[in-house]
Amino acid sequence: MVKNKRQKILDAATATFSEYGYKGTTMDKVAAVAHIGKGTIYTAFKNKEELFNAILQNIIEDMAYICHQYIDPAKGVKENINNVLYELLTYRKKHQFLQKLSEEVTWSGTIHAHNALKRVEKAIVEYLKQLLIHAHTQRKIYLSTPEITAFLLYKQYMTLVVEFEKDYYSLSKEEIIHIFNNHILFSLIHNKEI
């Protein structure tokens, strides 16, 4: 019963934050969406920030699941990196909560929204770093700075997928993979120091 109540609150809060952002969400709005009294929320969450962080933690756990789901040891490093990045960014682009945070950062610069998106970015970079370290230990790639390399891969992929689409046109998954492989991953995979 307690777990169901907590999940009901999290679901309502996710919907509320997705509609109003961090700044516009109140515990009263969450309670109204959940069809419960505001006091009930406080039995499960200390305050709005704790509730917000619980939602964000669920999203990060979902992304970890995506990473594990799309990493196939039978496939090559390039294919695994491409699959993981594509699926993570697809998830990020489609998740209403994350979309609203991005809008909120753009329009009002809310520090909570900014910090939340940074946590998501750091989680993605960490997943990539672990994937790269694993490939390096198997001597499939040369890697001297795993965190920097993971960060650069993520940022370059984001630029290609999100920024290019905003300024020019949308690329297909196949086009993204081709460009990313030939211009970004090639040197990582074919480094002479292996």
Protein backbone atom coordinates (compact mmCIF):
# COMPACT_ATOMS: atom_id res chain seq x y z
CA MET A 1 0.00 0.00 0.00
CA VAL A 2 2.77 2.47 0.95
CA LYS A 3 4.71 1.62 -2.22
CA ASN A 4 1.59 2.18 -4.34
CA LYS A 5 0.98 5.54 -2.63
CA ARG A 6 4.57 6.60 -3.25
CA GLN A 7 4.34 5.57 -6.92
CA LYS A 8 1.02 7.38 -7.30
CA ILE A 9 2.65 10.54 -5.94
CA LEU A 10 5.68 10.10 -8.22
CA ASP A 11 3.45 9.61 -11.27
CA ALA A 12 1.40 12.69 -10.42
CA ALA A 13 4.51 14.73 -9.70
CA THR A 14 6.12 13.65 -12.98
CA ALA A 15 3.01 14.79 -14.86
CA THR A 16 2.92 18.06 -12.92
CA PHE A 17 6.61 18.88 -13.34
CA SER A 18 6.28 17.92 -17.03
CA GLU A 19 3.51 20.46 -17.46
CA TYR A 20 4.62 23.31 -15.19
CA GLY A 21 8.37 22.82 -14.79
CA TYR A 22 10.19 23.06 -11.48
CA LYS A 23 9.33 26.68 -10.90
CA GLY A 24 5.61 26.32 -11.61
CA THR A 25 5.02 23.07 -9.73
CA THR A 26 3.59 23.22 -6.24
CA MET A 27 2.73 20.46 -3.81
CA ASP A 28 -0.91 21.58 -4.11
CA LYS A 29 -0.84 20.90 -7.87
CA VAL A 30 0.77 17.50 -7.34
CA ALA A 31 -1.86 16.62 -4.72
CA ALA A 32 -4.66 17.65 -7.09
CA VAL A 33 -3.28 15.49 -9.93
CA ALA A 34 -2.78 12.55 -7.54
CA HIS A 35 -6.27 13.03 -6.02
CA ILE A 36 -4.82 12.99 -2.51
CA GLY A 37 -4.36 15.50 0.27
CA LYS A 38 -1.19 17.59 0.27
CA GLY A 39 -0.29 16.18 3.69
CA THR A 40 -0.14 12.69 2.20
CA ILE A 41 2.70 13.81 -0.06
CA TYR A 42 4.67 14.98 2.95
CA THR A 43 4.44 11.52 4.51
CA ALA A 44 6.46 10.19 1.57
CA PHE A 45 8.60 13.21 0.59
CA LYS A 46 10.05 15.91 2.81
CA ASN A 47 9.60 18.72 0.29
CA LYS A 48 9.30 19.61 -3.39
CA GLU A 49 13.03 19.25 -3.98
CA GLU A 50 13.10 15.71 -2.57
CA LEU A 51 10.14 14.78 -4.76
CA PHE A 52 11.83 16.33 -7.80
CA ASN A 53 15.07 14.44 -7.05
CA ALA A 54 13.17 11.15 -6.73
CA ILE A 55 11.72 11.64 -10.21
CA LEU A 56 15.14 12.51 -11.56
CA GLN A 57 16.64 9.41 -9.95
CA ASN A 58 13.97 7.25 -11.62
CA ILE A 59 14.90 8.78 -14.98
CA ILE A 60 18.59 8.08 -14.41
CA GLU A 61 17.75 4.48 -13.47
CA ASP A 62 15.68 4.18 -16.66
CA MET A 63 18.69 5.38 -18.63
CA ALA A 64 20.93 2.82 -16.92
CA TYR A 65 18.46 0.14 -17.96
CA ILE A 66 18.55 1.43 -21.56
CA CYS A 67 22.35 1.24 -21.54
CA HIS A 68 22.33 -2.34 -20.35
CA GLN A 69 19.58 -3.27 -22.77
CA TYR A 70 21.41 -1.90 -25.83
CA ILE A 71 24.92 -3.13 -25.07
CA ASP A 72 25.49 -6.44 -26.78
CA PRO A 73 28.86 -8.14 -26.10
CA ALA A 74 28.55 -9.92 -29.46
CA LYS A 75 28.55 -6.57 -31.29
CA GLY A 76 31.43 -4.21 -31.94
CA VAL A 77 32.33 -1.11 -29.96
CA LYS A 78 31.04 1.28 -32.65
CA GLU A 79 27.68 -0.42 -32.84
CA ASN A 80 27.28 -0.50 -29.06
CA ILE A 81 28.25 3.17 -28.65
CA ASN A 82 25.91 4.19 -31.46
CA ASN A 83 23.02 2.13 -30.10
CA VAL A 84 23.43 3.40 -26.55
CA LEU A 85 23.76 7.06 -27.55
CA TYR A 86 20.88 6.89 -30.00
CA GLU A 87 18.52 5.24 -27.51
CA LEU A 88 19.53 7.51 -24.61
CA LEU A 89 19.04 10.66 -26.66
CA THR A 90 15.78 9.37 -28.09
CA TYR A 91 14.60 8.76 -24.53
CA ARG A 92 15.80 12.22 -23.49
CA LYS A 93 14.12 13.95 -26.43
CA LYS A 94 10.80 12.15 -25.90
CA HIS A 95 10.59 12.36 -22.10
CA GLN A 96 8.21 15.23 -21.29
CA PHE A 97 9.81 15.89 -17.91
CA LEU A 98 13.24 16.40 -19.51
CA GLN A 99 11.77 18.47 -22.35
CA LYS A 100 10.13 20.80 -19.85
CA LEU A 101 13.38 21.16 -17.91
CA SER A 102 15.20 22.09 -21.13
CA GLU A 103 12.53 24.69 -21.89
CA GLU A 104 12.73 26.03 -18.35
CA VAL A 105 16.51 26.40 -18.56
CA THR A 106 16.18 28.22 -21.88
CA TRP A 107 13.38 30.57 -20.85
CA SER A 108 13.97 31.27 -17.18
CA GLY A 109 17.30 29.71 -16.24
CA THR A 110 15.90 27.92 -13.18
CA ILE A 111 18.87 26.53 -11.27
CA HIS A 112 17.01 23.32 -10.27
CA ALA A 113 16.22 22.57 -13.91
CA HIS A 114 19.79 23.36 -14.96
CA ASN A 115 21.27 21.13 -12.24
CA ALA A 116 18.87 18.30 -13.09
CA LEU A 117 19.90 18.33 -16.75
CA LYS A 118 23.55 18.35 -15.67
CA ARG A 119 22.89 15.25 -13.53
CA VAL A 120 21.35 13.52 -16.54
CA GLU A 121 24.32 14.51 -18.71
CA LYS A 122 26.80 13.27 -16.09
CA ALA A 123 24.96 9.96 -15.86
CA ILE A 124 25.13 9.51 -19.64
CA VAL A 125 28.83 10.40 -19.67
CA GLU A 126 29.44 7.90 -16.86
CA TYR A 127 27.66 5.10 -18.78
CA LEU A 128 29.72 5.90 -21.86
CA LYS A 129 32.91 6.01 -19.81
CA GLN A 130 32.24 2.53 -18.44
CA LEU A 131 31.55 1.22 -21.95
CA LEU A 132 34.80 2.76 -23.21
CA ILE A 133 36.85 1.41 -20.30
CA HIS A 134 35.46 -2.06 -20.94
CA ALA A 135 36.36 -1.84 -24.64
CA HIS A 136 39.83 -0.56 -23.71
CA THR A 137 40.49 -3.45 -21.31
CA GLN A 138 39.58 -5.81 -24.16
CA ARG A 139 42.07 -3.92 -26.37
CA LYS A 140 39.34 -2.96 -28.84
CA ILE A 141 40.14 0.76 -28.52
CA TYR A 142 42.96 2.94 -27.25
CA LEU A 143 41.88 5.18 -24.40
CA SER A 144 44.03 7.55 -22.36
CA THR A 145 41.32 9.75 -20.81
CA PRO A 146 38.03 7.83 -20.44
CA GLU A 147 35.96 10.60 -18.88
CA ILE A 148 37.06 13.27 -21.35
CA THR A 149 36.54 10.90 -24.28
CA ALA A 150 33.06 9.97 -23.02
CA PHE A 151 32.20 13.63 -22.53
CA LEU A 152 33.36 14.53 -26.05
CA LEU A 153 31.46 11.62 -27.61
CA TYR A 154 28.28 12.67 -25.83
CA LYS A 155 28.63 16.35 -26.74
CA GLN A 156 29.46 15.62 -30.38
CA TYR A 157 26.53 13.24 -30.65
CA MET A 158 24.19 15.79 -29.04
CA THR A 159 25.40 18.47 -31.42
CA LEU A 160 24.86 16.22 -34.42
CA VAL A 161 21.44 14.98 -33.35
CA VAL A 162 19.91 17.99 -31.58
CA GLU A 163 21.66 21.14 -32.74
CA PHE A 164 22.02 20.15 -36.39
CA GLU A 165 18.33 19.22 -36.48
CA LYS A 166 17.35 22.61 -35.04
CA ASP A 167 19.45 24.60 -37.49
CA TYR A 168 19.27 22.47 -40.65
CA TYR A 169 17.23 19.29 -40.98
CA SER A 170 16.60 15.97 -39.27
CA LEU A 171 18.99 13.10 -39.94
CA SER A 172 17.93 9.47 -40.10
CA LYS A 173 19.40 6.99 -37.64
CA GLU A 174 21.50 5.51 -40.47
CA GLU A 175 22.88 8.93 -41.43
CA ILE A 176 23.75 9.69 -37.82
CA ILE A 177 25.55 6.37 -37.44
CA HIS A 178 27.46 6.83 -40.70
CA ILE A 179 28.62 10.36 -39.80
CA PHE A 180 29.43 9.46 -36.21
CA ASN A 181 31.41 6.37 -37.23
CA ASN A 182 33.38 8.04 -40.00
CA HIS A 183 34.12 11.37 -38.35
CA ILE A 184 34.15 10.72 -34.64
CA LEU A 185 34.60 7.05 -33.74
CA PHE A 186 37.08 6.16 -36.49
CA SER A 187 40.15 7.52 -34.67
CA LEU A 188 39.08 5.95 -31.38
CA ILE A 189 38.74 2.52 -32.93
CA HIS A 190 41.69 2.70 -35.34
CA ASN A 191 44.25 4.33 -33.07
CA LYS A 192 47.75 2.94 -33.69
CA GLU A 193 48.55 2.65 -29.99
CA ILE A 194 46.36 -0.42 -29.57
